[in-house]
């Protein structure tokens, strides 16, 4: 139920500093989950919770408006005021990686 509500409100996934349940089902709904583990236990339905509040996840401060990017290798938080700078650096790294892959694809003979 929470994934359906979250998706309707424009969320792209969940980053949980703890265990999550129903991960396969959530991903089937298009809501990827990045958590420390899995559990069969359900969440507290009456809180505690807060919206649009600063939180700490894995010791990293996340503020409203920060970019949170995640894949199976990990989660990174980009402060809102550094997003342009970090994007430019990431694009440069990606371009260098493409060039390195092309150079390594050359046959030995």
C-alpha atoms as a PDB file:
ATOM      1  CA  UNK A   1       0.000   0.000   0.000  1.00  0.00           C
ATOM      2  CA  UNK A   2       2.769   2.437   0.853  1.00  0.00           C
ATOM      3  CA  UNK A   3       4.454   1.880  -2.516  1.00  0.00           C
ATOM      4  CA  UNK A   4       1.249   2.682  -4.379  1.00  0.00           C
ATOM      5  CA  UNK A   5       0.836   5.903  -2.372  1.00  0.00           C
ATOM      6  CA  UNK A   6       4.509   6.806  -2.809  1.00  0.00           C
ATOM      7  CA  UNK A   7       4.429   6.223  -6.567  1.00  0.00           C
ATOM      8  CA  UNK A   8       1.276   8.345  -6.893  1.00  0.00           C
ATOM      9  CA  UNK A   9       3.146  11.171  -5.148  1.00  0.00           C
ATOM     10  CA  UNK A  10       6.100  10.951  -7.528  1.00  0.00           C
ATOM     11  CA  UNK A  11       8.623   8.972  -5.485  1.00  0.00           C
ATOM     12  CA  UNK A  12      11.032   6.827  -7.487  1.00  0.00           C
ATOM     13  CA  UNK A  13      12.073   4.298  -4.823  1.00  0.00           C
ATOM     14  CA  UNK A  14      12.980   3.702  -1.196  1.00  0.00           C
ATOM     15  CA  UNK A  15      16.301   4.016   0.640  1.00  0.00           C
ATOM     16  CA  UNK A  16      15.938   2.430   4.066  1.00  0.00           C
ATOM     17  CA  UNK A  17      18.535   2.538   6.838  1.00  0.00           C
ATOM     18  CA  UNK A  18      17.258  -0.782   8.151  1.00  0.00           C
ATOM     19  CA  UNK A  19      15.466  -3.877   6.892  1.00  0.00           C
ATOM     20  CA  UNK A  20      12.570  -3.928   4.438  1.00  0.00           C
ATOM     21  CA  UNK A  21       9.976  -6.506   3.473  1.00  0.00           C
ATOM     22  CA  UNK A  22       8.194  -7.323   0.211  1.00  0.00           C
ATOM     23  CA  UNK A  23      11.189  -6.107  -1.804  1.00  0.00           C
ATOM     24  CA  UNK A  24      10.424  -8.284  -4.843  1.00  0.00           C
ATOM     25  CA  UNK A  25       6.809  -7.130  -4.894  1.00  0.00           C
ATOM     26  CA  UNK A  26       7.810  -3.476  -4.531  1.00  0.00           C
ATOM     27  CA  UNK A  27      10.263  -3.734  -7.412  1.00  0.00           C
ATOM     28  CA  UNK A  28       7.548  -5.379  -9.543  1.00  0.00           C
ATOM     29  CA  UNK A  29       5.482  -2.231  -8.917  1.00  0.00           C
ATOM     30  CA  UNK A  30       8.390  -0.142 -10.200  1.00  0.00           C
ATOM     31  CA  UNK A  31       9.544   0.933  -6.717  1.00  0.00           C
ATOM     32  CA  UNK A  32      13.127  -0.237  -6.168  1.00  0.00           C
ATOM     33  CA  UNK A  33      14.228  -0.715  -2.557  1.00  0.00           C
ATOM     34  CA  UNK A  34      17.720  -0.125  -1.226  1.00  0.00           C
ATOM     35  CA  UNK A  35      17.970  -1.378   2.354  1.00  0.00           C
ATOM     36  CA  UNK A  36      20.425  -2.957   4.764  1.00  0.00           C
ATOM     37  CA  UNK A  37      18.531  -6.243   4.647  1.00  0.00           C
ATOM     38  CA  UNK A  38      15.209  -8.026   4.445  1.00  0.00           C
ATOM     39  CA  UNK A  39      12.719  -8.990   7.116  1.00  0.00           C
ATOM     40  CA  UNK A  40       9.322 -10.660   7.239  1.00  0.00           C
ATOM     41  CA  UNK A  41       8.205  -8.175   9.920  1.00  0.00           C
ATOM     42  CA  UNK A  42       5.968  -5.306   8.917  1.00  0.00           C
ATOM     43  CA  UNK A  43       6.523  -1.612   9.685  1.00  0.00           C
ATOM     44  CA  UNK A  44       4.927   0.480  12.388  1.00  0.00           C
ATOM     45  CA  UNK A  45       1.797   1.901  10.810  1.00  0.00           C
ATOM     46  CA  UNK A  46       1.345   4.684  13.357  1.00  0.00           C
ATOM     47  CA  UNK A  47       4.790   6.280  13.176  1.00  0.00           C
ATOM     48  CA  UNK A  48       7.103   7.691  14.034  1.00  0.00           C
ATOM     49  CA  UNK A  49       7.474   9.509  10.732  1.00  0.00           C
ATOM     50  CA  UNK A  50       8.087  12.958   9.289  1.00  0.00           C
ATOM     51  CA  UNK A  51       7.783  14.443   5.814  1.00  0.00           C
ATOM     52  CA  UNK A  52      10.165  16.988   4.279  1.00  0.00           C
ATOM     53  CA  UNK A  53      12.498  16.814   7.259  1.00  0.00           C
ATOM     54  CA  UNK A  54      16.279  16.453   7.444  1.00  0.00           C
ATOM     55  CA  UNK A  55      17.282  12.863   8.235  1.00  0.00           C
ATOM     56  CA  UNK A  56      20.421  10.812   8.658  1.00  0.00           C
ATOM     57  CA  UNK A  57      20.682   7.608   6.637  1.00  0.00           C
ATOM     58  CA  UNK A  58      23.749   5.485   7.230  1.00  0.00           C
ATOM     59  CA  UNK A  59      25.394   8.466   8.890  1.00  0.00           C
ATOM     60  CA  UNK A  60      24.812  10.739   5.877  1.00  0.00           C
ATOM     61  CA  UNK A  61      22.641  13.821   6.279  1.00  0.00           C
ATOM     62  CA  UNK A  62      19.853  14.070   3.685  1.00  0.00           C
ATOM     63  CA  UNK A  63      17.918  17.322   3.378  1.00  0.00           C
ATOM     64  CA  UNK A  64      14.726  18.024   1.443  1.00  0.00           C
ATOM     65  CA  UNK A  65      15.696  18.760  -2.171  1.00  0.00           C
ATOM     66  CA  UNK A  66      18.925  16.733  -2.141  1.00  0.00           C
ATOM     67  CA  UNK A  67      19.405  14.264  -4.989  1.00  0.00           C
ATOM     68  CA  UNK A  68      19.512  10.627  -3.914  1.00  0.00           C
ATOM     69  CA  UNK A  69      20.859   8.276  -6.583  1.00  0.00           C
ATOM     70  CA  UNK A  70      20.952   4.526  -6.017  1.00  0.00           C
ATOM     71  CA  UNK A  71      21.729   1.307  -7.814  1.00  0.00           C
ATOM     72  CA  UNK A  72      22.787  -2.172  -6.710  1.00  0.00           C
ATOM     73  CA  UNK A  73      26.315  -0.893  -6.014  1.00  0.00           C
ATOM     74  CA  UNK A  74      25.210   1.685  -3.473  1.00  0.00           C
ATOM     75  CA  UNK A  75      23.479   4.948  -2.669  1.00  0.00           C
ATOM     76  CA  UNK A  76      24.881   8.460  -2.982  1.00  0.00           C
ATOM     77  CA  UNK A  77      23.418  11.723  -1.712  1.00  0.00           C
ATOM     78  CA  UNK A  78      24.179  14.930  -3.609  1.00  0.00           C
ATOM     79  CA  UNK A  79      23.408  18.158  -1.767  1.00  0.00           C
ATOM     80  CA  UNK A  80      21.043  20.343  -3.778  1.00  0.00           C
ATOM     81  CA  UNK A  81      23.484  23.261  -3.909  1.00  0.00           C
ATOM     82  CA  UNK A  82      26.204  21.033  -5.453  1.00  0.00           C
ATOM     83  CA  UNK A  83      24.065  19.129  -7.976  1.00  0.00           C
ATOM     84  CA  UNK A  84      25.314  20.999 -11.091  1.00  0.00           C
ATOM     85  CA  UNK A  85      28.946  20.653 -10.051  1.00  0.00           C
ATOM     86  CA  UNK A  86      28.589  16.926  -9.273  1.00  0.00           C
ATOM     87  CA  UNK A  87      26.691  16.266 -12.529  1.00  0.00           C
ATOM     88  CA  UNK A  88      29.451  17.932 -14.580  1.00  0.00           C
ATOM     89  CA  UNK A  89      32.086  15.829 -12.819  1.00  0.00           C
ATOM     90  CA  UNK A  90      30.075  12.634 -13.317  1.00  0.00           C
ATOM     91  CA  UNK A  91      29.622  13.372 -17.027  1.00  0.00           C
ATOM     92  CA  UNK A  92      33.390  13.855 -17.385  1.00  0.00           C
ATOM     93  CA  UNK A  93      34.090  10.560 -15.616  1.00  0.00           C
ATOM     94  CA  UNK A  94      31.535   8.750 -17.797  1.00  0.00           C
ATOM     95  CA  UNK A  95      33.114  10.141 -20.984  1.00  0.00           C
ATOM     96  CA  UNK A  96      36.567   8.997 -19.812  1.00  0.00           C
ATOM     97  CA  UNK A  97      35.192   5.528 -19.065  1.00  0.00           C
ATOM     98  CA  UNK A  98      33.743   5.263 -22.581  1.00  0.00           C
ATOM     99  CA  UNK A  99      37.131   6.238 -24.058  1.00  0.00           C
ATOM    100  CA  UNK A 100      38.964   3.685 -21.891  1.00  0.00           C
ATOM    101  CA  UNK A 101      36.561   0.905 -22.892  1.00  0.00           C
ATOM    102  CA  UNK A 102      37.040   1.742 -26.582  1.00  0.00           C
ATOM    103  CA  UNK A 103      40.831   1.727 -26.169  1.00  0.00           C
ATOM    104  CA  UNK A 104      40.730  -1.635 -24.392  1.00  0.00           C
ATOM    105  CA  UNK A 105      38.563  -3.177 -27.118  1.00  0.00           C
ATOM    106  CA  UNK A 106      41.390  -2.972 -29.691  1.00  0.00           C
ATOM    107  CA  UNK A 107      42.645  -6.455 -30.698  1.00  0.00           C
ATOM    108  CA  UNK A 108      46.130  -7.399 -29.491  1.00  0.00           C
ATOM    109  CA  UNK A 109      47.383  -8.439 -32.959  1.00  0.00           C
END
